[in-house]
Amino acid sequence: MSRIGKLPIAIPQGVEITVTDTNMVKVKGKLGELQQLVDPALTVKVENGEVVVSRHTDSKDHKAKHGLYRVLIHNMVKGVTEGYTTVQELVGVGYKAEAKGQMLDLSLGYSHHIYMELPVEVKVETTTERGKNPLIKLSSIDKQLIGQVAAKIRSLRKPEPYKGKGVKFQGEELRKKPGKAAAEK
């Protein structure tokens, strides 16, 4: 049996989980509501304050999905209780970020500004302090969506390997290359 898949998911106080006949799992909490369609090869049961995911056969495909859907449901439970946040840092001279509602205005060293409309489920907040790199803080209840938005922002200007300029996650360690000067010695 899958080590991850067989673990039960504890339901915290104030979280309501319902499973429909079509294997649609709905999780409702203080921060919002999420839903996920589970593969028909798996069964999801809510019993004794826990959610248990089980599979019908031991085929390789079912084993893989067993752990996957258990983690997806766990992420939904954590999302509606605590939420998720991601902080990105803009490293580079003149790099700026400004949030105007759900619109993110980025200046990343190109000849033009980049305007990015964010989904309604994602809240954005930007901070700019003198002497520090500008920060973009994303928060949402949906882990998958916030990761996708953060990856899209990062793809607009990935950190380059020589000076590290670009959009990076806060706390991310970049491996820098020495460049031409180190090769000539």
N, C-alpha and C. Protein backbone atom coordinates (compact mmCIF):
# COMPACT_ATOMS: atom_id res chain seq x y z
N MET A 1 0.84 -1.19 0.00
CA MET A 1 0.00 0.00 0.00
C MET A 1 0.88 1.25 0.00
N SER A 2 0.40 2.30 -0.58
CA SER A 2 1.13 3.55 -0.66
C SER A 2 1.35 4.12 0.73
N ARG A 3 2.60 4.52 1.03
CA ARG A 3 2.90 5.07 2.35
C ARG A 3 2.17 6.38 2.59
N ILE A 4 2.10 7.20 1.55
CA ILE A 4 1.41 8.49 1.68
C ILE A 4 -0.10 8.27 1.62
N GLY A 5 -0.54 7.45 0.67
CA GLY A 5 -1.97 7.26 0.44
C GLY A 5 -2.71 6.65 1.61
N LYS A 6 -2.05 5.78 2.37
CA LYS A 6 -2.77 5.10 3.46
C LYS A 6 -2.93 5.96 4.71
N LEU A 7 -2.22 7.10 4.78
CA LEU A 7 -2.35 7.97 5.95
C LEU A 7 -3.72 8.65 5.95
N PRO A 8 -4.42 8.63 7.07
CA PRO A 8 -5.70 9.34 7.13
C PRO A 8 -5.46 10.85 7.28
N ILE A 9 -6.40 11.64 6.81
CA ILE A 9 -6.32 13.10 6.89
C ILE A 9 -7.24 13.54 8.03
N ALA A 10 -6.66 14.15 9.06
CA ALA A 10 -7.45 14.64 10.18
C ALA A 10 -8.24 15.87 9.75
N ILE A 11 -9.50 15.93 10.13
CA ILE A 11 -10.34 17.08 9.79
C ILE A 11 -10.31 18.06 10.96
N PRO A 12 -9.74 19.26 10.75
CA PRO A 12 -9.68 20.24 11.84
C PRO A 12 -11.05 20.81 12.19
N GLN A 13 -11.10 21.50 13.33
CA GLN A 13 -12.34 22.15 13.79
C GLN A 13 -12.78 23.19 12.76
N GLY A 14 -14.05 23.20 12.40
CA GLY A 14 -14.59 24.21 11.50
C GLY A 14 -14.47 23.86 10.03
N VAL A 15 -13.98 22.66 9.69
CA VAL A 15 -13.86 22.24 8.30
C VAL A 15 -14.92 21.18 8.01
N GLU A 16 -15.61 21.35 6.90
CA GLU A 16 -16.68 20.44 6.51
C GLU A 16 -16.30 19.79 5.18
N ILE A 17 -16.29 18.46 5.13
CA ILE A 17 -15.93 17.73 3.91
C ILE A 17 -17.10 16.87 3.49
N THR A 18 -17.47 17.00 2.20
CA THR A 18 -18.54 16.17 1.66
C THR A 18 -18.03 15.48 0.40
N VAL A 19 -18.46 14.23 0.22
CA VAL A 19 -18.10 13.44 -0.96
C VAL A 19 -19.39 13.06 -1.66
N THR A 20 -19.51 13.40 -2.95
CA THR A 20 -20.71 13.09 -3.72
C THR A 20 -20.58 11.71 -4.36
N ASP A 21 -21.65 11.26 -5.02
CA ASP A 21 -21.65 9.95 -5.69
C ASP A 21 -20.67 9.91 -6.85
N THR A 22 -20.39 11.06 -7.46
CA THR A 22 -19.49 11.12 -8.62
C THR A 22 -18.02 11.32 -8.20
N ASN A 23 -17.72 11.06 -6.93
CA ASN A 23 -16.37 11.21 -6.38
C ASN A 23 -15.87 12.65 -6.41
N MET A 24 -16.77 13.60 -6.22
CA MET A 24 -16.39 15.01 -6.10
C MET A 24 -16.23 15.31 -4.61
N VAL A 25 -15.02 15.71 -4.21
CA VAL A 25 -14.74 16.04 -2.81
C VAL A 25 -14.81 17.55 -2.65
N LYS A 26 -15.67 18.01 -1.74
CA LYS A 26 -15.82 19.45 -1.46
C LYS A 26 -15.36 19.71 -0.04
N VAL A 27 -14.45 20.68 0.09
CA VAL A 27 -13.91 21.04 1.40
C VAL A 27 -14.27 22.49 1.66
N LYS A 28 -14.94 22.72 2.80
CA LYS A 28 -15.38 24.07 3.14
C LYS A 28 -14.81 24.44 4.50
N GLY A 29 -14.19 25.62 4.58
CA GLY A 29 -13.59 26.08 5.83
C GLY A 29 -13.78 27.56 6.01
N LYS A 30 -13.07 28.12 6.99
CA LYS A 30 -13.25 29.54 7.31
C LYS A 30 -12.72 30.47 6.23
N LEU A 31 -11.75 30.02 5.42
CA LEU A 31 -11.19 30.87 4.38
C LEU A 31 -11.86 30.72 3.02
N GLY A 32 -12.63 29.66 2.82
CA GLY A 32 -13.30 29.48 1.54
C GLY A 32 -13.69 28.03 1.29
N GLU A 33 -13.93 27.74 0.01
CA GLU A 33 -14.38 26.41 -0.38
C GLU A 33 -13.61 25.95 -1.61
N LEU A 34 -13.17 24.69 -1.60
CA LEU A 34 -12.45 24.08 -2.73
C LEU A 34 -13.11 22.76 -3.07
N GLN A 35 -12.94 22.33 -4.33
CA GLN A 35 -13.47 21.03 -4.73
C GLN A 35 -12.49 20.34 -5.69
N GLN A 36 -12.50 19.02 -5.65
CA GLN A 36 -11.60 18.22 -6.48
C GLN A 36 -12.33 16.95 -6.91
N LEU A 37 -12.26 16.64 -8.19
CA LEU A 37 -12.83 15.41 -8.71
C LEU A 37 -11.79 14.30 -8.55
N VAL A 38 -12.17 13.23 -7.87
CA VAL A 38 -11.26 12.12 -7.60
C VAL A 38 -11.51 11.01 -8.61
N ASP A 39 -10.44 10.36 -9.04
CA ASP A 39 -10.52 9.27 -10.02
C ASP A 39 -11.47 8.17 -9.52
N PRO A 40 -12.30 7.59 -10.40
CA PRO A 40 -13.24 6.55 -9.98
C PRO A 40 -12.57 5.27 -9.46
N ALA A 41 -11.28 5.10 -9.72
CA ALA A 41 -10.57 3.91 -9.24
C ALA A 41 -10.33 3.98 -7.73
N LEU A 42 -10.58 5.14 -7.12
CA LEU A 42 -10.35 5.32 -5.70
C LEU A 42 -11.67 5.62 -5.00
N THR A 43 -11.74 5.29 -3.71
CA THR A 43 -12.90 5.65 -2.91
C THR A 43 -12.45 6.56 -1.77
N VAL A 44 -13.24 7.57 -1.51
CA VAL A 44 -12.96 8.52 -0.44
C VAL A 44 -14.07 8.41 0.59
N LYS A 45 -13.70 8.19 1.85
CA LYS A 45 -14.69 8.05 2.92
C LYS A 45 -14.35 9.03 4.04
N VAL A 46 -15.40 9.64 4.60
CA VAL A 46 -15.24 10.51 5.76
C VAL A 46 -15.81 9.75 6.95
N GLU A 47 -14.94 9.40 7.91
CA GLU A 47 -15.39 8.63 9.07
C GLU A 47 -14.54 8.97 10.30
N ASN A 48 -15.17 9.12 11.43
CA ASN A 48 -14.52 9.39 12.72
C ASN A 48 -13.62 10.63 12.70
N GLY A 49 -14.05 11.67 12.02
CA GLY A 49 -13.26 12.91 11.99
C GLY A 49 -12.02 12.81 11.13
N GLU A 50 -11.98 11.83 10.22
CA GLU A 50 -10.84 11.65 9.32
C GLU A 50 -11.32 11.33 7.91
N VAL A 51 -10.48 11.66 6.94
CA VAL A 51 -10.76 11.31 5.55
C VAL A 51 -9.80 10.18 5.19
N VAL A 52 -10.35 9.10 4.63
CA VAL A 52 -9.54 7.95 4.24
C VAL A 52 -9.72 7.71 2.75
N VAL A 53 -8.58 7.63 2.04
CA VAL A 53 -8.60 7.35 0.60
C VAL A 53 -8.11 5.91 0.43
N SER A 54 -8.87 5.09 -0.32
CA SER A 54 -8.47 3.70 -0.57
C SER A 54 -8.63 3.37 -2.04
N ARG A 55 -7.88 2.38 -2.50
CA ARG A 55 -7.94 1.99 -3.91
C ARG A 55 -8.49 0.58 -4.04
N HIS A 56 -8.99 0.27 -5.25
CA HIS A 56 -9.63 -1.02 -5.48
C HIS A 56 -8.63 -2.11 -5.85
N THR A 57 -7.61 -1.76 -6.65
CA THR A 57 -6.63 -2.76 -7.09
C THR A 57 -5.22 -2.27 -6.80
N ASP A 58 -4.25 -3.14 -7.02
CA ASP A 58 -2.85 -2.80 -6.79
C ASP A 58 -2.10 -2.55 -8.09
N SER A 59 -2.80 -2.11 -9.12
CA SER A 59 -2.10 -1.80 -10.37
C SER A 59 -1.22 -0.57 -10.17
N LYS A 60 -0.21 -0.45 -11.00
CA LYS A 60 0.76 0.64 -10.87
C LYS A 60 0.08 2.01 -10.97
N ASP A 61 -0.86 2.14 -11.88
CA ASP A 61 -1.57 3.39 -12.08
C ASP A 61 -2.39 3.77 -10.84
N HIS A 62 -3.07 2.80 -10.25
CA HIS A 62 -3.89 3.06 -9.08
C HIS A 62 -3.03 3.39 -7.86
N LYS A 63 -1.86 2.76 -7.75
CA LYS A 63 -0.96 3.08 -6.64
C LYS A 63 -0.49 4.53 -6.73
N ALA A 64 -0.17 4.97 -7.93
CA ALA A 64 0.29 6.35 -8.11
C ALA A 64 -0.81 7.36 -7.79
N LYS A 65 -2.01 7.07 -8.25
CA LYS A 65 -3.13 7.98 -8.00
C LYS A 65 -3.55 7.99 -6.54
N HIS A 66 -3.32 6.89 -5.84
CA HIS A 66 -3.69 6.80 -4.43
C HIS A 66 -2.99 7.88 -3.61
N GLY A 67 -1.69 7.98 -3.75
CA GLY A 67 -0.93 8.99 -3.03
C GLY A 67 -1.23 10.40 -3.51
N LEU A 68 -1.41 10.54 -4.83
CA LEU A 68 -1.67 11.86 -5.41
C LEU A 68 -2.96 12.48 -4.86
N TYR A 69 -4.05 11.74 -4.92
CA TYR A 69 -5.32 12.30 -4.50
C TYR A 69 -5.39 12.51 -2.99
N ARG A 70 -4.69 11.69 -2.23
CA ARG A 70 -4.63 11.90 -0.78
C ARG A 70 -3.95 13.24 -0.49
N VAL A 71 -2.85 13.53 -1.18
CA VAL A 71 -2.12 14.79 -0.97
C VAL A 71 -2.94 15.98 -1.46
N LEU A 72 -3.65 15.83 -2.58
CA LEU A 72 -4.50 16.92 -3.07
C LEU A 72 -5.59 17.28 -2.06
N ILE A 73 -6.21 16.26 -1.45
CA ILE A 73 -7.25 16.51 -0.45
C ILE A 73 -6.63 17.15 0.79
N HIS A 74 -5.45 16.68 1.19
CA HIS A 74 -4.76 17.26 2.36
C HIS A 74 -4.42 18.73 2.11
N ASN A 75 -3.97 19.05 0.89
CA ASN A 75 -3.66 20.45 0.55
C ASN A 75 -4.92 21.32 0.57
N MET A 76 -6.05 20.75 0.18
CA MET A 76 -7.31 21.51 0.21
C MET A 76 -7.71 21.80 1.66
N VAL A 77 -7.55 20.82 2.54
CA VAL A 77 -7.90 21.01 3.96
C VAL A 77 -6.99 22.08 4.58
N LYS A 78 -5.70 22.00 4.29
CA LYS A 78 -4.76 23.00 4.82
C LYS A 78 -5.04 24.38 4.23
N GLY A 79 -5.43 24.43 2.97
CA GLY A 79 -5.71 25.70 2.31
C GLY A 79 -6.89 26.42 2.90
N VAL A 80 -7.98 25.72 3.21
CA VAL A 80 -9.17 26.38 3.74
C VAL A 80 -9.03 26.73 5.22
N THR A 81 -8.02 26.16 5.91
CA THR A 81 -7.81 26.51 7.31
C THR A 81 -6.72 27.57 7.47
N GLU A 82 -5.57 27.39 6.83
CA GLU A 82 -4.44 28.31 7.00
C GLU A 82 -4.19 29.18 5.77
N GLY A 83 -4.35 28.61 4.58
CA GLY A 83 -4.02 29.32 3.35
C GLY A 83 -2.54 29.14 3.00
N TYR A 84 -2.17 29.58 1.82
CA TYR A 84 -0.78 29.47 1.35
C TYR A 84 -0.28 30.83 0.94
N THR A 85 1.00 31.09 1.17
CA THR A 85 1.62 32.34 0.72
C THR A 85 2.94 32.03 0.04
N THR A 86 3.26 32.82 -0.96
CA THR A 86 4.52 32.72 -1.69
C THR A 86 5.09 34.13 -1.82
N VAL A 87 6.38 34.27 -1.52
CA VAL A 87 7.04 35.58 -1.63
C VAL A 87 8.12 35.48 -2.70
N GLN A 88 8.08 36.40 -3.67
CA GLN A 88 9.08 36.46 -4.72
C GLN A 88 9.84 37.77 -4.64
N GLU A 89 11.10 37.73 -5.03
CA GLU A 89 12.00 38.87 -4.92
C GLU A 89 12.46 39.27 -6.32
N LEU A 90 12.46 40.57 -6.60
CA LEU A 90 12.94 41.08 -7.89
C LEU A 90 14.36 41.58 -7.70
N VAL A 91 15.33 40.88 -8.27
CA VAL A 91 16.74 41.24 -8.12
C VAL A 91 17.21 41.89 -9.41
N GLY A 92 17.59 43.15 -9.34
CA GLY A 92 18.10 43.86 -10.51
C GLY A 92 17.86 45.36 -10.38
N VAL A 93 18.73 46.12 -11.00
CA VAL A 93 18.62 47.58 -10.93
C VAL A 93 17.40 48.03 -11.73
N GLY A 94 16.52 48.80 -11.10
CA GLY A 94 15.34 49.33 -11.77
C GLY A 94 14.17 48.36 -11.86
N TYR A 95 14.29 47.18 -11.29
CA TYR A 95 13.18 46.23 -11.32
C TYR A 95 12.14 46.68 -10.30
N LYS A 96 10.87 46.74 -10.73
CA LYS A 96 9.79 47.22 -9.87
C LYS A 96 8.56 46.36 -10.05
N ALA A 97 7.73 46.35 -9.02
CA ALA A 97 6.43 45.67 -9.07
C ALA A 97 5.42 46.54 -8.36
N GLU A 98 4.24 46.65 -8.94
CA GLU A 98 3.17 47.43 -8.34
C GLU A 98 1.84 46.71 -8.56
N ALA A 99 1.09 46.56 -7.48
CA ALA A 99 -0.21 45.89 -7.56
C ALA A 99 -1.31 46.93 -7.59
N LYS A 100 -2.18 46.80 -8.59
CA LYS A 100 -3.36 47.67 -8.72
C LYS A 100 -4.58 46.76 -8.78
N GLY A 101 -5.11 46.41 -7.62
CA GLY A 101 -6.22 45.46 -7.57
C GLY A 101 -5.72 44.08 -7.94
N GLN A 102 -6.29 43.49 -8.98
CA GLN A 102 -5.86 42.17 -9.47
C GLN A 102 -4.88 42.30 -10.63
N MET A 103 -4.43 43.50 -10.92
CA MET A 103 -3.48 43.74 -12.00
C MET A 103 -2.09 43.94 -11.40
N LEU A 104 -1.10 43.24 -11.91
CA LEU A 104 0.27 43.36 -11.45
C LEU A 104 1.08 44.03 -12.55
N ASP A 105 1.70 45.17 -12.22
CA ASP A 105 2.52 45.94 -13.16
C ASP A 105 3.98 45.66 -12.83
N LEU A 106 4.68 45.03 -13.78
CA LEU A 106 6.08 44.65 -13.57
C LEU A 106 7.00 45.40 -14.50
N SER A 107 8.10 45.89 -13.97
CA SER A 107 9.16 46.50 -14.76
C SER A 107 10.40 45.65 -14.53
N LEU A 108 10.76 44.83 -15.52
CA LEU A 108 11.83 43.84 -15.34
C LEU A 108 13.02 44.04 -16.27
N GLY A 109 13.30 45.29 -16.62
CA GLY A 109 14.47 45.57 -17.44
C GLY A 109 14.21 45.50 -18.93
N TYR A 110 12.98 45.25 -19.33
CA TYR A 110 12.65 45.27 -20.75
C TYR A 110 12.33 46.70 -21.15
N SER A 111 12.11 46.94 -22.43
CA SER A 111 11.79 48.29 -22.91
C SER A 111 10.34 48.68 -22.62
N HIS A 112 9.58 47.76 -22.06
CA HIS A 112 8.17 48.00 -21.79
C HIS A 112 7.78 47.41 -20.43
N HIS A 113 6.66 47.84 -19.90
CA HIS A 113 6.11 47.27 -18.67
C HIS A 113 5.34 46.00 -19.01
N ILE A 114 5.28 45.09 -18.07
CA ILE A 114 4.51 43.86 -18.24
C ILE A 114 3.31 43.95 -17.31
N TYR A 115 2.11 43.83 -17.86
CA TYR A 115 0.88 43.86 -17.07
C TYR A 115 0.31 42.46 -17.04
N MET A 116 0.07 41.97 -15.82
CA MET A 116 -0.41 40.60 -15.66
C MET A 116 -1.67 40.62 -14.79
N GLU A 117 -2.76 40.10 -15.34
CA GLU A 117 -4.00 40.01 -14.57
C GLU A 117 -4.00 38.69 -13.81
N LEU A 118 -4.20 38.78 -12.51
CA LEU A 118 -4.17 37.60 -11.65
C LEU A 118 -5.58 37.07 -11.42
N PRO A 119 -5.72 35.76 -11.17
CA PRO A 119 -7.04 35.20 -10.88
C PRO A 119 -7.63 35.82 -9.61
N VAL A 120 -8.94 35.79 -9.50
CA VAL A 120 -9.64 36.39 -8.37
C VAL A 120 -9.26 35.69 -7.07
N GLU A 121 -8.96 34.40 -7.12
CA GLU A 121 -8.65 33.62 -5.92
C GLU A 121 -7.31 33.99 -5.31
N VAL A 122 -6.44 34.67 -6.07
CA VAL A 122 -5.09 35.01 -5.61
C VAL A 122 -5.05 36.47 -5.20
N LYS A 123 -4.61 36.72 -3.96
CA LYS A 123 -4.43 38.09 -3.46
C LYS A 123 -2.96 38.45 -3.64
N VAL A 124 -2.71 39.67 -4.15
CA VAL A 124 -1.33 40.09 -4.39
C VAL A 124 -1.04 41.34 -3.57
N GLU A 125 0.21 41.42 -3.09
CA GLU A 125 0.65 42.55 -2.30
C GLU A 125 2.12 42.80 -2.66
N THR A 126 2.48 44.04 -2.93
CA THR A 126 3.87 44.36 -3.28
C THR A 126 4.44 45.32 -2.24
N THR A 127 5.73 45.14 -1.95
CA THR A 127 6.42 46.04 -1.03
C THR A 127 7.74 46.47 -1.65
N THR A 128 8.06 47.74 -1.49
CA THR A 128 9.32 48.28 -1.98
C THR A 128 9.94 49.11 -0.86
N GLU A 129 11.08 48.67 -0.36
CA GLU A 129 11.80 49.41 0.68
C GLU A 129 13.12 49.90 0.11
N ARG A 130 13.54 51.05 0.57
CA ARG A 130 14.78 51.63 0.10
C ARG A 130 15.95 50.74 0.50
N GLY A 131 16.81 50.43 -0.46
CA GLY A 131 17.98 49.60 -0.20
C GLY A 131 17.72 48.11 -0.22
N LYS A 132 16.48 47.70 -0.46
CA LYS A 132 16.14 46.27 -0.52
C LYS A 132 15.45 45.97 -1.84
N ASN A 133 15.44 44.70 -2.21
CA ASN A 133 14.78 44.28 -3.44
C ASN A 133 13.27 44.34 -3.28
N PRO A 134 12.53 44.74 -4.34
CA PRO A 134 11.07 44.72 -4.27
C PRO A 134 10.55 43.29 -4.08
N LEU A 135 9.46 43.15 -3.34
CA LEU A 135 8.87 41.84 -3.05
C LEU A 135 7.45 41.76 -3.58
N ILE A 136 7.09 40.58 -4.06
CA ILE A 136 5.72 40.28 -4.47
C ILE A 136 5.23 39.16 -3.55
N LYS A 137 4.15 39.43 -2.81
CA LYS A 137 3.59 38.42 -1.90
C LYS A 137 2.25 37.97 -2.44
N LEU A 138 2.15 36.68 -2.77
CA LEU A 138 0.92 36.08 -3.27
C LEU A 138 0.31 35.23 -2.16
N SER A 139 -1.01 35.29 -1.99
CA SER A 139 -1.67 34.43 -1.01
C SER A 139 -2.98 33.92 -1.59
N SER A 140 -3.28 32.66 -1.27
CA SER A 140 -4.48 32.01 -1.79
C SER A 140 -4.78 30.77 -0.96
N ILE A 141 -5.97 30.21 -1.14
CA ILE A 141 -6.31 28.95 -0.47
C ILE A 141 -5.98 27.75 -1.36
N ASP A 142 -5.75 27.99 -2.64
CA ASP A 142 -5.49 26.92 -3.61
C ASP A 142 -4.00 26.82 -3.89
N LYS A 143 -3.36 25.78 -3.38
CA LYS A 143 -1.91 25.61 -3.52
C LYS A 143 -1.49 25.46 -4.97
N GLN A 144 -2.25 24.74 -5.74
CA GLN A 144 -1.94 24.50 -7.14
C GLN A 144 -1.99 25.79 -7.94
N LEU A 145 -3.00 26.61 -7.71
CA LEU A 145 -3.16 27.87 -8.44
C LEU A 145 -2.07 28.88 -8.07
N ILE A 146 -1.75 28.99 -6.79
CA ILE A 146 -0.73 29.95 -6.37
C ILE A 146 0.64 29.56 -6.92
N GLY A 147 0.91 28.26 -6.99
CA GLY A 147 2.17 27.79 -7.57
C GLY A 147 2.26 28.09 -9.06
N GLN A 148 1.14 27.94 -9.75
CA GLN A 148 1.10 28.21 -11.18
C GLN A 148 1.30 29.69 -11.47
N VAL A 149 0.67 30.56 -10.68
CA VAL A 149 0.82 32.01 -10.87
C VAL A 149 2.25 32.44 -10.56
N ALA A 150 2.82 31.90 -9.48
CA ALA A 150 4.20 32.24 -9.10
C ALA A 150 5.19 31.78 -10.18
N ALA A 151 4.95 30.61 -10.76
CA ALA A 151 5.82 30.11 -11.82
C ALA A 151 5.72 30.98 -13.07
N LYS A 152 4.52 31.48 -13.36
CA LYS A 152 4.33 32.36 -14.52
C LYS A 152 5.08 33.68 -14.33
N ILE A 153 4.99 34.25 -13.12
CA ILE A 153 5.72 35.50 -12.84
C ILE A 153 7.21 35.27 -12.95
N ARG A 154 7.71 34.16 -12.42
CA ARG A 154 9.14 33.85 -12.48
C ARG A 154 9.60 33.66 -13.93
N SER A 155 8.73 33.08 -14.78
CA SER A 155 9.12 32.80 -16.17
C SER A 155 9.30 34.08 -16.99
N LEU A 156 8.76 35.20 -16.50
CA LEU A 156 8.91 36.46 -17.23
C LEU A 156 10.35 36.94 -17.24
N ARG A 157 11.13 36.64 -16.20
CA ARG A 157 12.55 36.97 -16.15
C ARG A 157 13.21 36.04 -15.12
N LYS A 158 13.65 34.86 -15.59
CA LYS A 158 14.30 33.90 -14.71
C LYS A 158 15.65 34.44 -14.25
N PRO A 159 16.10 34.07 -13.05
CA PRO A 159 17.42 34.54 -12.59
C PRO A 159 18.52 34.02 -13.51
N GLU A 160 19.39 34.94 -13.94
CA GLU A 160 20.47 34.50 -14.82
C GLU A 160 21.64 34.02 -13.96
N PRO A 161 22.50 33.12 -14.49
CA PRO A 161 23.48 32.44 -13.66
C PRO A 161 24.74 33.25 -13.30
N TYR A 162 24.94 34.42 -13.87
CA TYR A 162 26.18 35.15 -13.61
C TYR A 162 26.04 36.18 -12.50
N LYS A 163 25.00 36.99 -12.53
CA LYS A 163 24.80 37.98 -11.48
C LYS A 163 23.59 37.67 -10.61
N GLY A 164 22.72 36.79 -11.07
CA GLY A 164 21.54 36.41 -10.30
C GLY A 164 20.37 37.36 -10.49
N LYS A 165 20.41 38.21 -11.53
CA LYS A 165 19.32 39.16 -11.76
C LYS A 165 18.10 38.43 -12.30
N GLY A 166 16.93 38.83 -11.81
CA GLY A 166 15.68 38.24 -12.28
C GLY A 166 14.69 38.09 -11.14
N VAL A 167 13.65 37.29 -11.37
CA VAL A 167 12.63 37.04 -10.35
C VAL A 167 12.94 35.72 -9.70
N LYS A 168 13.13 35.74 -8.37
CA LYS A 168 13.42 34.50 -7.65
C LYS A 168 12.52 34.41 -6.43
N PHE A 169 12.38 33.20 -5.90
CA PHE A 169 11.62 32.99 -4.67
C PHE A 169 12.47 33.44 -3.50
N GLN A 170 11.85 34.00 -2.48
CA GLN A 170 12.59 34.47 -1.32
C GLN A 170 13.22 33.28 -0.60
N GLY A 171 14.49 33.39 -0.31
CA GLY A 171 15.21 32.31 0.35
C GLY A 171 15.81 31.30 -0.62
N GLU A 172 15.57 31.45 -1.90
CA GLU A 172 16.09 30.51 -2.91
C GLU A 172 17.59 30.75 -3.10
N GLU A 173 18.35 29.69 -3.07
CA GLU A 173 19.80 29.78 -3.29
C GLU A 173 20.09 29.53 -4.76
N LEU A 174 20.76 30.47 -5.39
CA LEU A 174 21.11 30.34 -6.80
C LEU A 174 22.58 29.95 -6.92
N ARG A 175 22.88 29.02 -7.82
CA ARG A 175 24.28 28.68 -8.10
C ARG A 175 24.77 29.61 -9.18
N LYS A 176 25.78 30.39 -8.84
CA LYS A 176 26.30 31.36 -9.79
C LYS A 176 27.54 30.80 -10.47
N LYS A 177 27.68 31.12 -11.78
CA LYS A 177 28.84 30.71 -12.55
C LYS A 177 29.93 31.77 -12.38
N PRO A 178 31.19 31.39 -12.44
CA PRO A 178 32.26 32.36 -12.23
C PRO A 178 32.43 33.36 -13.38
N GLY A 179 32.10 33.01 -14.59
CA GLY A 179 32.23 33.94 -15.71
C GLY A 179 33.59 33.88 -16.38
N LYS A 180 33.84 34.85 -17.29
CA LYS A 180 35.09 34.86 -18.08
C LYS A 180 36.31 35.15 -17.22
N ALA A 181 36.20 36.04 -16.27
CA ALA A 181 37.35 36.46 -15.48
C ALA A 181 38.01 35.30 -14.76
N ALA A 182 37.25 34.34 -14.27
CA ALA A 182 37.80 33.19 -13.57
C ALA A 182 38.49 32.24 -14.52
N ALA A 183 38.08 32.18 -15.78
CA ALA A 183 38.66 31.26 -16.75
C ALA A 183 40.02 31.74 -17.24
N GLU A 184 40.28 33.04 -17.22
CA GLU A 184 41.54 33.58 -17.74
C GLU A 184 42.70 33.40 -16.79
N LYS A 185 42.44 33.14 -15.53
CA LYS A 185 43.52 33.03 -14.53
C LYS A 185 44.25 31.73 -14.61
